[in-house]
Amino acid sequence: MAGKKGMTHYAVALKLEAVRMFCKEGKSQRAITAELGIRDPRRVQKWLRAYRREGAEGLNKLAGRKSPGRRPKKENTQAYIARLEMENALLKKFHTELREVRLAQRNIG
């Protein structure tokens, strides 16, 4: 599994046990981390958030998830083509202007 050196990976069963202890028994997150031997007290909070959002499946996904950044917006095909055509026209315009300037500098044109 990928991760930083020394990083501990916890089984889904342990994560579910931590969620159960918090929800059913009403234990604090610090008590749960001490009892289950979890290094980071905020880890339980992340598991609870994932469990509330997606249930037990959220705890499975949490292990393989990348950084929680924004996903890139998908552009539809027509808008993509229109943007490329605009860029192409702009580049052609700049190219002709640059060519005219170079010819004028050489006194050729």
N, C-alpha and C. Protein backbone atom coordinates (compact mmCIF):
# COMPACT_ATOMS: atom_id res chain seq x y z
N MET A 1 0.84 -1.19 0.00
CA MET A 1 0.00 0.00 0.00
C MET A 1 0.89 1.25 0.00
N ALA A 2 0.42 2.23 -0.68
CA ALA A 2 1.18 3.48 -0.78
C ALA A 2 0.94 4.33 0.46
N GLY A 3 1.90 5.15 0.78
CA GLY A 3 1.76 6.05 1.91
C GLY A 3 3.13 6.50 2.38
N LYS A 4 3.12 7.40 3.34
CA LYS A 4 4.38 7.90 3.89
C LYS A 4 5.07 6.82 4.71
N LYS A 5 6.36 6.96 4.86
CA LYS A 5 7.13 6.00 5.64
C LYS A 5 6.65 6.01 7.09
N GLY A 6 6.39 4.85 7.64
CA GLY A 6 5.93 4.74 9.02
C GLY A 6 4.43 4.89 9.17
N MET A 7 3.72 5.05 8.06
CA MET A 7 2.28 5.24 8.10
C MET A 7 1.60 3.91 8.41
N THR A 8 0.62 3.95 9.32
CA THR A 8 -0.09 2.75 9.70
C THR A 8 -1.40 2.65 8.93
N HIS A 9 -1.68 1.48 8.37
CA HIS A 9 -2.93 1.23 7.66
C HIS A 9 -3.81 0.38 8.57
N TYR A 10 -5.04 0.83 8.75
CA TYR A 10 -5.95 0.14 9.65
C TYR A 10 -6.97 -0.66 8.85
N ALA A 11 -7.35 -1.81 9.39
CA ALA A 11 -8.34 -2.67 8.73
C ALA A 11 -9.72 -2.03 8.83
N VAL A 12 -10.57 -2.39 7.88
CA VAL A 12 -11.93 -1.85 7.86
C VAL A 12 -12.69 -2.30 9.12
N ALA A 13 -12.41 -3.50 9.61
CA ALA A 13 -13.08 -3.98 10.82
C ALA A 13 -12.76 -3.10 12.02
N LEU A 14 -11.51 -2.65 12.11
CA LEU A 14 -11.12 -1.75 13.20
C LEU A 14 -11.82 -0.40 13.07
N LYS A 15 -11.93 0.07 11.84
CA LYS A 15 -12.62 1.35 11.61
C LYS A 15 -14.09 1.24 12.01
N LEU A 16 -14.72 0.14 11.63
CA LEU A 16 -16.13 -0.06 12.00
C LEU A 16 -16.29 -0.18 13.51
N GLU A 17 -15.34 -0.81 14.16
CA GLU A 17 -15.38 -0.92 15.63
C GLU A 17 -15.27 0.46 16.27
N ALA A 18 -14.40 1.30 15.74
CA ALA A 18 -14.26 2.66 16.27
C ALA A 18 -15.55 3.45 16.08
N VAL A 19 -16.18 3.32 14.94
CA VAL A 19 -17.45 4.01 14.68
C VAL A 19 -18.53 3.49 15.62
N ARG A 20 -18.56 2.17 15.83
CA ARG A 20 -19.56 1.58 16.73
C ARG A 20 -19.36 2.08 18.16
N MET A 21 -18.11 2.14 18.58
CA MET A 21 -17.83 2.60 19.95
C MET A 21 -18.26 4.05 20.14
N PHE A 22 -18.11 4.85 19.12
CA PHE A 22 -18.50 6.25 19.23
C PHE A 22 -20.02 6.39 19.21
N CYS A 23 -20.67 5.71 18.28
CA CYS A 23 -22.13 5.87 18.12
C CYS A 23 -22.93 5.14 19.19
N LYS A 24 -22.60 3.89 19.46
CA LYS A 24 -23.40 3.07 20.37
C LYS A 24 -23.01 3.29 21.84
N GLU A 25 -21.71 3.29 22.12
CA GLU A 25 -21.26 3.39 23.50
C GLU A 25 -21.04 4.83 23.95
N GLY A 26 -20.99 5.76 23.01
CA GLY A 26 -20.83 7.17 23.35
C GLY A 26 -19.44 7.54 23.87
N LYS A 27 -18.44 6.76 23.49
CA LYS A 27 -17.08 7.05 23.94
C LYS A 27 -16.51 8.23 23.16
N SER A 28 -15.59 8.93 23.78
CA SER A 28 -14.96 10.06 23.10
C SER A 28 -13.93 9.55 22.10
N GLN A 29 -13.55 10.42 21.18
CA GLN A 29 -12.60 10.02 20.16
C GLN A 29 -11.23 9.72 20.77
N ARG A 30 -10.85 10.47 21.81
CA ARG A 30 -9.57 10.20 22.47
C ARG A 30 -9.57 8.85 23.19
N ALA A 31 -10.70 8.52 23.81
CA ALA A 31 -10.80 7.23 24.49
C ALA A 31 -10.72 6.08 23.49
N ILE A 32 -11.35 6.28 22.34
CA ILE A 32 -11.32 5.24 21.31
C ILE A 32 -9.90 5.05 20.78
N THR A 33 -9.19 6.15 20.53
CA THR A 33 -7.82 6.02 20.02
C THR A 33 -6.91 5.34 21.04
N ALA A 34 -7.13 5.64 22.32
CA ALA A 34 -6.30 5.02 23.36
C ALA A 34 -6.61 3.53 23.47
N GLU A 35 -7.88 3.18 23.41
CA GLU A 35 -8.29 1.79 23.58
C GLU A 35 -7.90 0.91 22.39
N LEU A 36 -8.02 1.45 21.18
CA LEU A 36 -7.72 0.66 19.99
C LEU A 36 -6.28 0.80 19.50
N GLY A 37 -5.51 1.70 20.13
CA GLY A 37 -4.11 1.86 19.76
C GLY A 37 -3.92 2.60 18.45
N ILE A 38 -4.75 3.58 18.19
CA ILE A 38 -4.65 4.38 16.98
C ILE A 38 -3.74 5.57 17.28
N ARG A 39 -2.81 5.86 16.39
CA ARG A 39 -1.82 6.91 16.64
C ARG A 39 -2.44 8.31 16.65
N ASP A 40 -3.22 8.64 15.64
CA ASP A 40 -3.72 10.00 15.45
C ASP A 40 -5.16 10.11 15.95
N PRO A 41 -5.44 10.99 16.92
CA PRO A 41 -6.82 11.13 17.41
C PRO A 41 -7.77 11.66 16.34
N ARG A 42 -7.26 12.40 15.37
CA ARG A 42 -8.12 12.93 14.31
C ARG A 42 -8.53 11.85 13.31
N ARG A 43 -7.84 10.73 13.33
CA ARG A 43 -8.15 9.64 12.41
C ARG A 43 -9.58 9.14 12.63
N VAL A 44 -9.98 9.02 13.88
CA VAL A 44 -11.35 8.56 14.19
C VAL A 44 -12.36 9.55 13.64
N GLN A 45 -12.05 10.83 13.74
CA GLN A 45 -12.96 11.86 13.23
C GLN A 45 -13.13 11.71 11.71
N LYS A 46 -12.06 11.41 11.00
CA LYS A 46 -12.13 11.20 9.55
C LYS A 46 -12.98 9.97 9.23
N TRP A 47 -12.81 8.92 10.01
CA TRP A 47 -13.59 7.71 9.78
C TRP A 47 -15.08 7.98 10.03
N LEU A 48 -15.38 8.73 11.07
CA LEU A 48 -16.78 9.05 11.37
C LEU A 48 -17.40 9.87 10.24
N ARG A 49 -16.65 10.83 9.74
CA ARG A 49 -17.15 11.66 8.65
C ARG A 49 -17.43 10.81 7.41
N ALA A 50 -16.51 9.90 7.09
CA ALA A 50 -16.68 9.03 5.92
C ALA A 50 -17.87 8.08 6.13
N TYR A 51 -18.03 7.59 7.35
CA TYR A 51 -19.14 6.67 7.65
C TYR A 51 -20.48 7.38 7.54
N ARG A 52 -20.55 8.61 8.04
CA ARG A 52 -21.80 9.37 7.96
C ARG A 52 -22.15 9.70 6.51
N ARG A 53 -21.15 9.97 5.72
CA ARG A 53 -21.38 10.36 4.33
C ARG A 53 -21.81 9.18 3.46
N GLU A 54 -21.10 8.02 3.59
CA GLU A 54 -21.33 6.92 2.66
C GLU A 54 -21.54 5.56 3.33
N GLY A 55 -21.59 5.53 4.64
CA GLY A 55 -21.77 4.26 5.33
C GLY A 55 -20.47 3.46 5.36
N ALA A 56 -20.61 2.14 5.49
CA ALA A 56 -19.44 1.27 5.59
C ALA A 56 -18.62 1.31 4.30
N GLU A 57 -19.27 1.56 3.17
CA GLU A 57 -18.56 1.66 1.90
C GLU A 57 -17.59 2.84 1.90
N GLY A 58 -17.93 3.90 2.63
CA GLY A 58 -17.06 5.06 2.73
C GLY A 58 -15.75 4.74 3.42
N LEU A 59 -15.79 3.81 4.37
CA LEU A 59 -14.56 3.40 5.05
C LEU A 59 -13.66 2.59 4.12
N ASN A 60 -14.27 1.82 3.21
CA ASN A 60 -13.48 1.07 2.23
C ASN A 60 -12.82 2.01 1.23
N LYS A 61 -13.56 3.03 0.79
CA LYS A 61 -13.04 3.97 -0.20
C LYS A 61 -11.95 4.84 0.40
N LEU A 62 -12.04 5.09 1.70
CA LEU A 62 -11.11 6.01 2.37
C LEU A 62 -9.67 5.55 2.23
N ALA A 63 -9.46 4.25 2.17
CA ALA A 63 -8.09 3.72 2.10
C ALA A 63 -7.44 4.03 0.75
N GLY A 64 -8.20 3.99 -0.34
CA GLY A 64 -7.62 4.20 -1.66
C GLY A 64 -7.79 5.61 -2.18
N ARG A 65 -8.28 6.51 -1.37
CA ARG A 65 -8.59 7.85 -1.84
C ARG A 65 -7.35 8.72 -1.90
N LYS A 66 -7.29 9.56 -2.90
CA LYS A 66 -6.20 10.52 -3.03
C LYS A 66 -6.55 11.76 -2.23
N SER A 67 -5.74 12.80 -2.37
CA SER A 67 -5.99 14.03 -1.63
C SER A 67 -7.35 14.62 -2.03
N PRO A 68 -8.05 15.19 -1.06
CA PRO A 68 -9.42 15.64 -1.33
C PRO A 68 -9.48 17.00 -2.04
N GLY A 69 -8.87 17.10 -3.20
CA GLY A 69 -8.91 18.33 -3.97
C GLY A 69 -10.14 18.37 -4.86
N ARG A 70 -10.31 19.47 -5.53
CA ARG A 70 -11.44 19.58 -6.46
C ARG A 70 -11.17 18.74 -7.69
N ARG A 71 -12.22 18.17 -8.21
CA ARG A 71 -12.10 17.41 -9.44
C ARG A 71 -12.14 18.39 -10.60
N PRO A 72 -11.39 18.09 -11.65
CA PRO A 72 -11.42 18.99 -12.80
C PRO A 72 -12.79 18.97 -13.46
N LYS A 73 -13.22 20.13 -13.87
CA LYS A 73 -14.52 20.26 -14.51
C LYS A 73 -14.44 19.67 -15.91
N LYS A 74 -15.41 18.84 -16.27
CA LYS A 74 -15.42 18.25 -17.60
C LYS A 74 -16.06 19.24 -18.56
N GLU A 75 -15.39 19.40 -19.69
CA GLU A 75 -15.86 20.34 -20.70
C GLU A 75 -16.53 19.53 -21.81
N ASN A 76 -17.71 19.99 -22.25
CA ASN A 76 -18.36 19.23 -23.31
C ASN A 76 -17.60 19.42 -24.61
N THR A 77 -17.85 18.57 -25.57
CA THR A 77 -17.07 18.53 -26.79
C THR A 77 -17.19 19.81 -27.61
N GLN A 78 -18.42 20.33 -27.73
CA GLN A 78 -18.62 21.54 -28.53
C GLN A 78 -17.86 22.72 -27.95
N ALA A 79 -17.91 22.89 -26.63
CA ALA A 79 -17.20 23.99 -25.99
C ALA A 79 -15.69 23.82 -26.14
N TYR A 80 -15.23 22.59 -26.07
CA TYR A 80 -13.80 22.31 -26.21
C TYR A 80 -13.34 22.67 -27.63
N ILE A 81 -14.10 22.27 -28.64
CA ILE A 81 -13.75 22.57 -30.03
C ILE A 81 -13.77 24.07 -30.26
N ALA A 82 -14.78 24.76 -29.72
CA ALA A 82 -14.87 26.21 -29.89
C ALA A 82 -13.67 26.91 -29.25
N ARG A 83 -13.27 26.45 -28.07
CA ARG A 83 -12.11 27.04 -27.40
C ARG A 83 -10.84 26.82 -28.21
N LEU A 84 -10.67 25.62 -28.75
CA LEU A 84 -9.48 25.34 -29.56
C LEU A 84 -9.46 26.16 -30.85
N GLU A 85 -10.62 26.32 -31.48
CA GLU A 85 -10.68 27.14 -32.69
C GLU A 85 -10.34 28.59 -32.40
N MET A 86 -10.80 29.10 -31.26
CA MET A 86 -10.49 30.47 -30.86
C MET A 86 -8.98 30.63 -30.63
N GLU A 87 -8.38 29.67 -29.92
CA GLU A 87 -6.94 29.72 -29.68
C GLU A 87 -6.17 29.65 -30.98
N ASN A 88 -6.62 28.80 -31.90
CA ASN A 88 -5.96 28.65 -33.18
C ASN A 88 -6.00 29.96 -33.97
N ALA A 89 -7.16 30.61 -34.01
CA ALA A 89 -7.28 31.89 -34.73
C ALA A 89 -6.39 32.95 -34.10
N LEU A 90 -6.34 32.98 -32.78
CA LEU A 90 -5.50 33.95 -32.08
C LEU A 90 -4.02 33.73 -32.39
N LEU A 91 -3.60 32.48 -32.39
CA LEU A 91 -2.21 32.16 -32.69
C LEU A 91 -1.85 32.50 -34.14
N LYS A 92 -2.78 32.26 -35.06
CA LYS A 92 -2.53 32.63 -36.45
C LYS A 92 -2.36 34.14 -36.59
N LYS A 93 -3.19 34.89 -35.88
CA LYS A 93 -3.10 36.35 -35.93
C LYS A 93 -1.75 36.82 -35.39
N PHE A 94 -1.34 36.30 -34.24
CA PHE A 94 -0.05 36.69 -33.67
C PHE A 94 1.11 36.29 -34.58
N HIS A 95 0.99 35.14 -35.22
CA HIS A 95 2.04 34.67 -36.11
C HIS A 95 2.20 35.61 -37.31
N THR A 96 1.10 36.03 -37.91
CA THR A 96 1.19 36.94 -39.05
C THR A 96 1.77 38.29 -38.63
N GLU A 97 1.35 38.78 -37.47
CA GLU A 97 1.90 40.05 -36.98
C GLU A 97 3.40 39.94 -36.72
N LEU A 98 3.82 38.85 -36.12
CA LEU A 98 5.23 38.64 -35.84
C LEU A 98 6.03 38.55 -37.13
N ARG A 99 5.48 37.88 -38.11
CA ARG A 99 6.16 37.74 -39.40
C ARG A 99 6.32 39.10 -40.07
N GLU A 100 5.27 39.93 -40.00
CA GLU A 100 5.35 41.27 -40.59
C GLU A 100 6.41 42.12 -39.90
N VAL A 101 6.51 42.00 -38.59
CA VAL A 101 7.51 42.77 -37.83
C VAL A 101 8.91 42.31 -38.21
N ARG A 102 9.12 41.02 -38.34
CA ARG A 102 10.44 40.50 -38.70
C ARG A 102 10.84 40.93 -40.11
N LEU A 103 9.89 40.89 -41.03
CA LEU A 103 10.18 41.33 -42.39
C LEU A 103 10.52 42.82 -42.43
N ALA A 104 9.82 43.61 -41.63
CA ALA A 104 10.08 45.04 -41.59
C ALA A 104 11.46 45.30 -40.97
N GLN A 105 11.86 44.51 -40.02
CA GLN A 105 13.16 44.69 -39.39
C GLN A 105 14.29 44.37 -40.36
N ARG A 106 14.05 43.45 -41.27
CA ARG A 106 15.06 43.07 -42.25
C ARG A 106 15.02 43.98 -43.48
N ASN A 107 13.99 44.80 -43.56
CA ASN A 107 13.77 45.66 -44.72
C ASN A 107 13.56 44.87 -45.99
N ILE A 108 12.89 43.74 -45.86
CA ILE A 108 12.63 42.90 -47.02
C ILE A 108 11.24 43.22 -47.59
N GLY A 109 10.27 43.33 -46.73
CA GLY A 109 8.90 43.44 -47.19
C GLY A 109 8.47 44.78 -47.38
